[in-house]
All heavy atoms as atom14 arrays in JSON, in Angstrom:
{
  "sequence": "AGPAVAGDAAAGRAKAQAQCQICHGENGVA",
  "atom14_mask": [
    [1, 1, 1, 1, 1, 0, 0, 0, 0, 0, 0, 0, 0, 0],
    [1, 1, 1, 1, 0, 0, 0, 0, 0, 0, 0, 0, 0, 0],
    [1, 1, 1, 1, 1, 1, 1, 0, 0, 0, 0, 0, 0, 0],
    [1, 1, 1, 1, 1, 0, 0, 0, 0, 0, 0, 0, 0, 0],
    [1, 1, 1, 1, 1, 1, 1, 0, 0, 0, 0, 0, 0, 0],
    [1, 1, 1, 1, 1, 0, 0, 0, 0, 0, 0, 0, 0, 0],
    [1, 1, 1, 1, 0, 0, 0, 0, 0, 0, 0, 0, 0, 0],
    [1, 1, 1, 1, 1, 1, 1, 1, 0, 0, 0, 0, 0, 0],
    [1, 1, 1, 1, 1, 0, 0, 0, 0, 0, 0, 0, 0, 0],
    [1, 1, 1, 1, 1, 0, 0, 0, 0, 0, 0, 0, 0, 0],
    [1, 1, 1, 1, 1, 0, 0, 0, 0, 0, 0, 0, 0, 0],
    [1, 1, 1, 1, 0, 0, 0, 0, 0, 0, 0, 0, 0, 0],
    [1, 1, 1, 1, 1, 1, 1, 1, 1, 1, 1, 0, 0, 0],
    [1, 1, 1, 1, 1, 0, 0, 0, 0, 0, 0, 0, 0, 0],
    [1, 1, 1, 1, 1, 1, 1, 1, 1, 0, 0, 0, 0, 0],
    [1, 1, 1, 1, 1, 0, 0, 0, 0, 0, 0, 0, 0, 0],
    [1, 1, 1, 1, 1, 1, 1, 1, 1, 0, 0, 0, 0, 0],
    [1, 1, 1, 1, 1, 0, 0, 0, 0, 0, 0, 0, 0, 0],
    [1, 1, 1, 1, 1, 1, 1, 1, 1, 0, 0, 0, 0, 0],
    [1, 1, 1, 1, 1, 1, 0, 0, 0, 0, 0, 0, 0, 0],
    [1, 1, 1, 1, 1, 1, 1, 1, 1, 0, 0, 0, 0, 0],
    [1, 1, 1, 1, 1, 1, 1, 1, 0, 0, 0, 0, 0, 0],
    [1, 1, 1, 1, 1, 1, 0, 0, 0, 0, 0, 0, 0, 0],
    [1, 1, 1, 1, 1, 1, 1, 1, 1, 1, 0, 0, 0, 0],
    [1, 1, 1, 1, 0, 0, 0, 0, 0, 0, 0, 0, 0, 0],
    [1, 1, 1, 1, 1, 1, 1, 1, 1, 0, 0, 0, 0, 0],
    [1, 1, 1, 1, 1, 1, 1, 1, 0, 0, 0, 0, 0, 0],
    [1, 1, 1, 1, 0, 0, 0, 0, 0, 0, 0, 0, 0, 0],
    [1, 1, 1, 1, 1, 1, 1, 0, 0, 0, 0, 0, 0, 0],
    [1, 1, 1, 1, 1, 0, 0, 0, 0, 0, 0, 0, 0, 0]
  ],
  "atom14_positions": [
    [[58.83, -43.01, -15.18], [57.91, -42.7, -16.3], [58.71, -42.4, -17.55], [58.22, -42.56, -18.65], [57.03, -41.52, -15.91], [0.0, 0.0, 0.0], [0.0, 0.0, 0.0], [0.0, 0.0, 0.0], [0.0, 0.0, 0.0], [0.0, 0.0, 0.0], [0.0, 0.0, 0.0], [0.0, 0.0, 0.0], [0.0, 0.0, 0.0], [0.0, 0.0, 0.0]],
    [[59.96, -41.98, -17.38], [60.8, -41.67, -18.52], [60.56, -40.28, -19.05], [59.51, -39.69, -18.86], [0.0, 0.0, 0.0], [0.0, 0.0, 0.0], [0.0, 0.0, 0.0], [0.0, 0.0, 0.0], [0.0, 0.0, 0.0], [0.0, 0.0, 0.0], [0.0, 0.0, 0.0], [0.0, 0.0, 0.0], [0.0, 0.0, 0.0], [0.0, 0.0, 0.0]],
    [[61.56, -39.75, -19.72], [61.42, -38.41, -20.26], [60.5, -38.42, -21.46], [60.31, -39.44, -22.13], [62.86, -38.05, -20.69], [63.5, -39.37, -20.94], [62.85, -40.34, -19.99], [0.0, 0.0, 0.0], [0.0, 0.0, 0.0], [0.0, 0.0, 0.0], [0.0, 0.0, 0.0], [0.0, 0.0, 0.0], [0.0, 0.0, 0.0], [0.0, 0.0, 0.0]],
    [[59.92, -37.29, -21.74], [59.1, -37.15, -22.94], [60.03, -37.34, -24.13], [61.12, -36.8, -24.19], [58.45, -35.78, -22.98], [0.0, 0.0, 0.0], [0.0, 0.0, 0.0], [0.0, 0.0, 0.0], [0.0, 0.0, 0.0], [0.0, 0.0, 0.0], [0.0, 0.0, 0.0], [0.0, 0.0, 0.0], [0.0, 0.0, 0.0], [0.0, 0.0, 0.0]],
    [[59.6, -38.16, -25.04], [60.43, -38.45, -26.21], [60.21, -37.36, -27.25], [59.1, -37.1, -27.67], [60.08, -39.82, -26.8], [60.91, -40.14, -28.02], [60.23, -40.89, -25.76], [0.0, 0.0, 0.0], [0.0, 0.0, 0.0], [0.0, 0.0, 0.0], [0.0, 0.0, 0.0], [0.0, 0.0, 0.0], [0.0, 0.0, 0.0], [0.0, 0.0, 0.0]],
    [[61.29, -36.71, -27.62], [61.22, -35.71, -28.66], [62.01, -36.21, -29.86], [63.1, -36.72, -29.72], [61.81, -34.39, -28.13], [0.0, 0.0, 0.0], [0.0, 0.0, 0.0], [0.0, 0.0, 0.0], [0.0, 0.0, 0.0], [0.0, 0.0, 0.0], [0.0, 0.0, 0.0], [0.0, 0.0, 0.0], [0.0, 0.0, 0.0], [0.0, 0.0, 0.0]],
    [[61.39, -36.06, -31.0], [62.06, -36.49, -32.21], [63.03, -35.44, -32.72], [63.05, -34.29, -32.28], [0.0, 0.0, 0.0], [0.0, 0.0, 0.0], [0.0, 0.0, 0.0], [0.0, 0.0, 0.0], [0.0, 0.0, 0.0], [0.0, 0.0, 0.0], [0.0, 0.0, 0.0], [0.0, 0.0, 0.0], [0.0, 0.0, 0.0], [0.0, 0.0, 0.0]],
    [[63.86, -35.83, -33.65], [64.84, -34.97, -34.29], [64.31, -34.69, -35.69], [64.35, -35.57, -36.57], [66.17, -35.69, -34.32], [67.27, -34.93, -35.02], [66.99, -33.97, -35.76], [68.44, -35.31, -34.82], [0.0, 0.0, 0.0], [0.0, 0.0, 0.0], [0.0, 0.0, 0.0], [0.0, 0.0, 0.0], [0.0, 0.0, 0.0], [0.0, 0.0, 0.0]],
    [[63.85, -33.47, -35.93], [63.22, -33.11, -37.22], [64.24, -33.26, -38.36], [63.87, -33.7, -39.44], [62.68, -31.69, -37.16], [0.0, 0.0, 0.0], [0.0, 0.0, 0.0], [0.0, 0.0, 0.0], [0.0, 0.0, 0.0], [0.0, 0.0, 0.0], [0.0, 0.0, 0.0], [0.0, 0.0, 0.0], [0.0, 0.0, 0.0], [0.0, 0.0, 0.0]],
    [[65.5, -32.92, -38.14], [66.49, -33.03, -39.21], [66.68, -34.49, -39.6], [66.78, -34.82, -40.8], [67.82, -32.39, -38.78], [0.0, 0.0, 0.0], [0.0, 0.0, 0.0], [0.0, 0.0, 0.0], [0.0, 0.0, 0.0], [0.0, 0.0, 0.0], [0.0, 0.0, 0.0], [0.0, 0.0, 0.0], [0.0, 0.0, 0.0], [0.0, 0.0, 0.0]],
    [[66.76, -35.39, -38.61], [66.88, -36.82, -38.91], [65.62, -37.32, -39.59], [65.68, -38.16, -40.51], [67.15, -37.6, -37.63], [0.0, 0.0, 0.0], [0.0, 0.0, 0.0], [0.0, 0.0, 0.0], [0.0, 0.0, 0.0], [0.0, 0.0, 0.0], [0.0, 0.0, 0.0], [0.0, 0.0, 0.0], [0.0, 0.0, 0.0], [0.0, 0.0, 0.0]],
    [[64.45, -36.81, -39.16], [63.21, -37.19, -39.8], [63.16, -36.74, -41.25], [62.68, -37.47, -42.13], [0.0, 0.0, 0.0], [0.0, 0.0, 0.0], [0.0, 0.0, 0.0], [0.0, 0.0, 0.0], [0.0, 0.0, 0.0], [0.0, 0.0, 0.0], [0.0, 0.0, 0.0], [0.0, 0.0, 0.0], [0.0, 0.0, 0.0], [0.0, 0.0, 0.0]],
    [[63.66, -35.56, -41.52], [63.66, -35.02, -42.88], [64.54, -35.92, -43.77], [64.19, -36.25, -44.9], [64.19, -33.6, -42.91], [64.18, -33.01, -44.29], [64.66, -31.58, -44.31], [64.43, -31.0, -45.63], [64.7, -29.77, -45.95], [65.21, -28.93, -45.04], [64.48, -29.32, -47.16], [0.0, 0.0, 0.0], [0.0, 0.0, 0.0], [0.0, 0.0, 0.0]],
    [[65.71, -36.29, -43.25], [66.61, -37.17, -44.01], [65.98, -38.51, -44.31], [66.05, -39.02, -45.45], [67.94, -37.34, -43.27], [0.0, 0.0, 0.0], [0.0, 0.0, 0.0], [0.0, 0.0, 0.0], [0.0, 0.0, 0.0], [0.0, 0.0, 0.0], [0.0, 0.0, 0.0], [0.0, 0.0, 0.0], [0.0, 0.0, 0.0], [0.0, 0.0, 0.0]],
    [[65.31, -39.08, -43.32], [64.63, -40.37, -43.53], [63.49, -40.21, -44.51], [63.29, -41.05, -45.4], [64.11, -40.89, -42.19], [63.37, -42.2, -42.26], [64.23, -43.34, -42.71], [64.79, -44.1, -41.55], [65.51, -45.31, -41.96], [0.0, 0.0, 0.0], [0.0, 0.0, 0.0], [0.0, 0.0, 0.0], [0.0, 0.0, 0.0], [0.0, 0.0, 0.0]],
    [[62.75, -39.11, -44.42], [61.63, -38.85, -45.34], [62.14, -38.68, -46.77], [61.53, -39.21, -47.71], [60.86, -37.61, -44.9], [0.0, 0.0, 0.0], [0.0, 0.0, 0.0], [0.0, 0.0, 0.0], [0.0, 0.0, 0.0], [0.0, 0.0, 0.0], [0.0, 0.0, 0.0], [0.0, 0.0, 0.0], [0.0, 0.0, 0.0], [0.0, 0.0, 0.0]],
    [[63.23, -38.0, -46.93], [63.8, -37.82, -48.27], [64.26, -39.15, -48.87], [64.13, -39.39, -50.06], [64.98, -36.84, -48.25], [64.53, -35.41, -48.05], [65.69, -34.45, -47.89], [66.76, -34.82, -47.44], [65.46, -33.2, -48.21], [0.0, 0.0, 0.0], [0.0, 0.0, 0.0], [0.0, 0.0, 0.0], [0.0, 0.0, 0.0], [0.0, 0.0, 0.0]],
    [[64.75, -40.03, -48.02], [65.25, -41.33, -48.48], [64.12, -42.32, -48.76], [64.23, -43.16, -49.66], [66.2, -41.93, -47.45], [0.0, 0.0, 0.0], [0.0, 0.0, 0.0], [0.0, 0.0, 0.0], [0.0, 0.0, 0.0], [0.0, 0.0, 0.0], [0.0, 0.0, 0.0], [0.0, 0.0, 0.0], [0.0, 0.0, 0.0], [0.0, 0.0, 0.0]],
    [[63.02, -42.24, -48.0], [62.02, -43.3, -48.09], [60.59, -42.84, -48.39], [59.82, -43.59, -48.96], [61.97, -44.09, -46.79], [63.15, -44.98, -46.59], [62.96, -45.85, -45.41], [63.16, -45.45, -44.27], [62.58, -47.09, -45.66], [0.0, 0.0, 0.0], [0.0, 0.0, 0.0], [0.0, 0.0, 0.0], [0.0, 0.0, 0.0], [0.0, 0.0, 0.0]],
    [[60.22, -41.65, -47.97], [58.8, -41.27, -47.98], [58.39, -40.38, -49.16], [57.24, -40.4, -49.56], [58.44, -40.57, -46.69], [58.92, -41.48, -45.19], [0.0, 0.0, 0.0], [0.0, 0.0, 0.0], [0.0, 0.0, 0.0], [0.0, 0.0, 0.0], [0.0, 0.0, 0.0], [0.0, 0.0, 0.0], [0.0, 0.0, 0.0], [0.0, 0.0, 0.0]],
    [[59.32, -39.57, -49.62], [58.95, -38.53, -50.58], [58.46, -39.09, -51.93], [57.74, -38.39, -52.65], [60.02, -37.51, -50.76], [61.21, -37.94, -51.6], [62.19, -36.8, -51.77], [62.0, -35.7, -51.27], [63.25, -37.07, -52.5], [0.0, 0.0, 0.0], [0.0, 0.0, 0.0], [0.0, 0.0, 0.0], [0.0, 0.0, 0.0], [0.0, 0.0, 0.0]],
    [[58.79, -40.29, -52.26], [58.35, -40.87, -53.54], [56.83, -40.86, -53.59], [56.25, -40.52, -54.63], [58.9, -42.29, -53.73], [60.42, -42.25, -53.85], [58.26, -42.99, -54.9], [61.07, -43.59, -53.71], [0.0, 0.0, 0.0], [0.0, 0.0, 0.0], [0.0, 0.0, 0.0], [0.0, 0.0, 0.0], [0.0, 0.0, 0.0], [0.0, 0.0, 0.0]],
    [[56.18, -41.19, -52.52], [54.7, -41.23, -52.49], [54.11, -39.99, -51.82], [53.05, -39.49, -52.24], [54.21, -42.46, -51.72], [54.71, -44.02, -52.5], [0.0, 0.0, 0.0], [0.0, 0.0, 0.0], [0.0, 0.0, 0.0], [0.0, 0.0, 0.0], [0.0, 0.0, 0.0], [0.0, 0.0, 0.0], [0.0, 0.0, 0.0], [0.0, 0.0, 0.0]],
    [[54.75, -39.52, -50.75], [54.17, -38.43, -49.94], [54.73, -37.07, -50.27], [54.37, -36.09, -49.61], [54.39, -38.76, -48.46], [53.71, -40.02, -48.02], [52.34, -40.09, -47.83], [54.2, -41.25, -47.78], [52.02, -41.34, -47.49], [53.15, -42.05, -47.43], [0.0, 0.0, 0.0], [0.0, 0.0, 0.0], [0.0, 0.0, 0.0], [0.0, 0.0, 0.0]],
    [[55.58, -36.98, -51.27], [56.12, -35.69, -51.69], [57.19, -35.14, -50.79], [57.28, -35.47, -49.63], [0.0, 0.0, 0.0], [0.0, 0.0, 0.0], [0.0, 0.0, 0.0], [0.0, 0.0, 0.0], [0.0, 0.0, 0.0], [0.0, 0.0, 0.0], [0.0, 0.0, 0.0], [0.0, 0.0, 0.0], [0.0, 0.0, 0.0], [0.0, 0.0, 0.0]],
    [[58.02, -34.31, -51.35], [59.14, -33.72, -50.61], [58.65, -32.87, -49.43], [59.28, -32.82, -48.38], [59.98, -32.85, -51.53], [61.2, -32.24, -50.88], [62.06, -31.45, -51.86], [61.73, -31.38, -53.04], [63.05, -30.87, -51.4], [0.0, 0.0, 0.0], [0.0, 0.0, 0.0], [0.0, 0.0, 0.0], [0.0, 0.0, 0.0], [0.0, 0.0, 0.0]],
    [[57.49, -32.2, -49.6], [56.96, -31.33, -48.56], [55.82, -31.97, -47.78], [55.11, -31.31, -47.06], [56.51, -30.01, -49.16], [55.44, -30.21, -50.22], [55.04, -31.34, -50.51], [55.0, -29.12, -50.79], [0.0, 0.0, 0.0], [0.0, 0.0, 0.0], [0.0, 0.0, 0.0], [0.0, 0.0, 0.0], [0.0, 0.0, 0.0], [0.0, 0.0, 0.0]],
    [[55.63, -33.28, -47.96], [54.59, -34.0, -47.21], [53.22, -33.93, -47.86], [52.24, -34.39, -47.27], [0.0, 0.0, 0.0], [0.0, 0.0, 0.0], [0.0, 0.0, 0.0], [0.0, 0.0, 0.0], [0.0, 0.0, 0.0], [0.0, 0.0, 0.0], [0.0, 0.0, 0.0], [0.0, 0.0, 0.0], [0.0, 0.0, 0.0], [0.0, 0.0, 0.0]],
    [[53.14, -33.34, -49.05], [51.9, -33.33, -49.81], [51.96, -34.45, -50.84], [52.85, -34.45, -51.7], [51.65, -31.96, -50.49], [50.4, -31.97, -51.34], [51.56, -30.87, -49.43], [0.0, 0.0, 0.0], [0.0, 0.0, 0.0], [0.0, 0.0, 0.0], [0.0, 0.0, 0.0], [0.0, 0.0, 0.0], [0.0, 0.0, 0.0], [0.0, 0.0, 0.0]],
    [[51.06, -35.37, -50.73], [51.07, -36.6, -51.55], [51.16, -36.29, -53.04], [50.49, -35.37, -53.55], [49.87, -37.47, -51.26], [0.0, 0.0, 0.0], [0.0, 0.0, 0.0], [0.0, 0.0, 0.0], [0.0, 0.0, 0.0], [0.0, 0.0, 0.0], [0.0, 0.0, 0.0], [0.0, 0.0, 0.0], [0.0, 0.0, 0.0], [0.0, 0.0, 0.0]]
  ]
}
């Protein structure tokens, strides 16, 4: 069945800062 997949919040934050924050904001508020 495989282990439950857990994400890495720090890696997610880095990716969000690089790609997502332009539209979705630094804190996730659009």
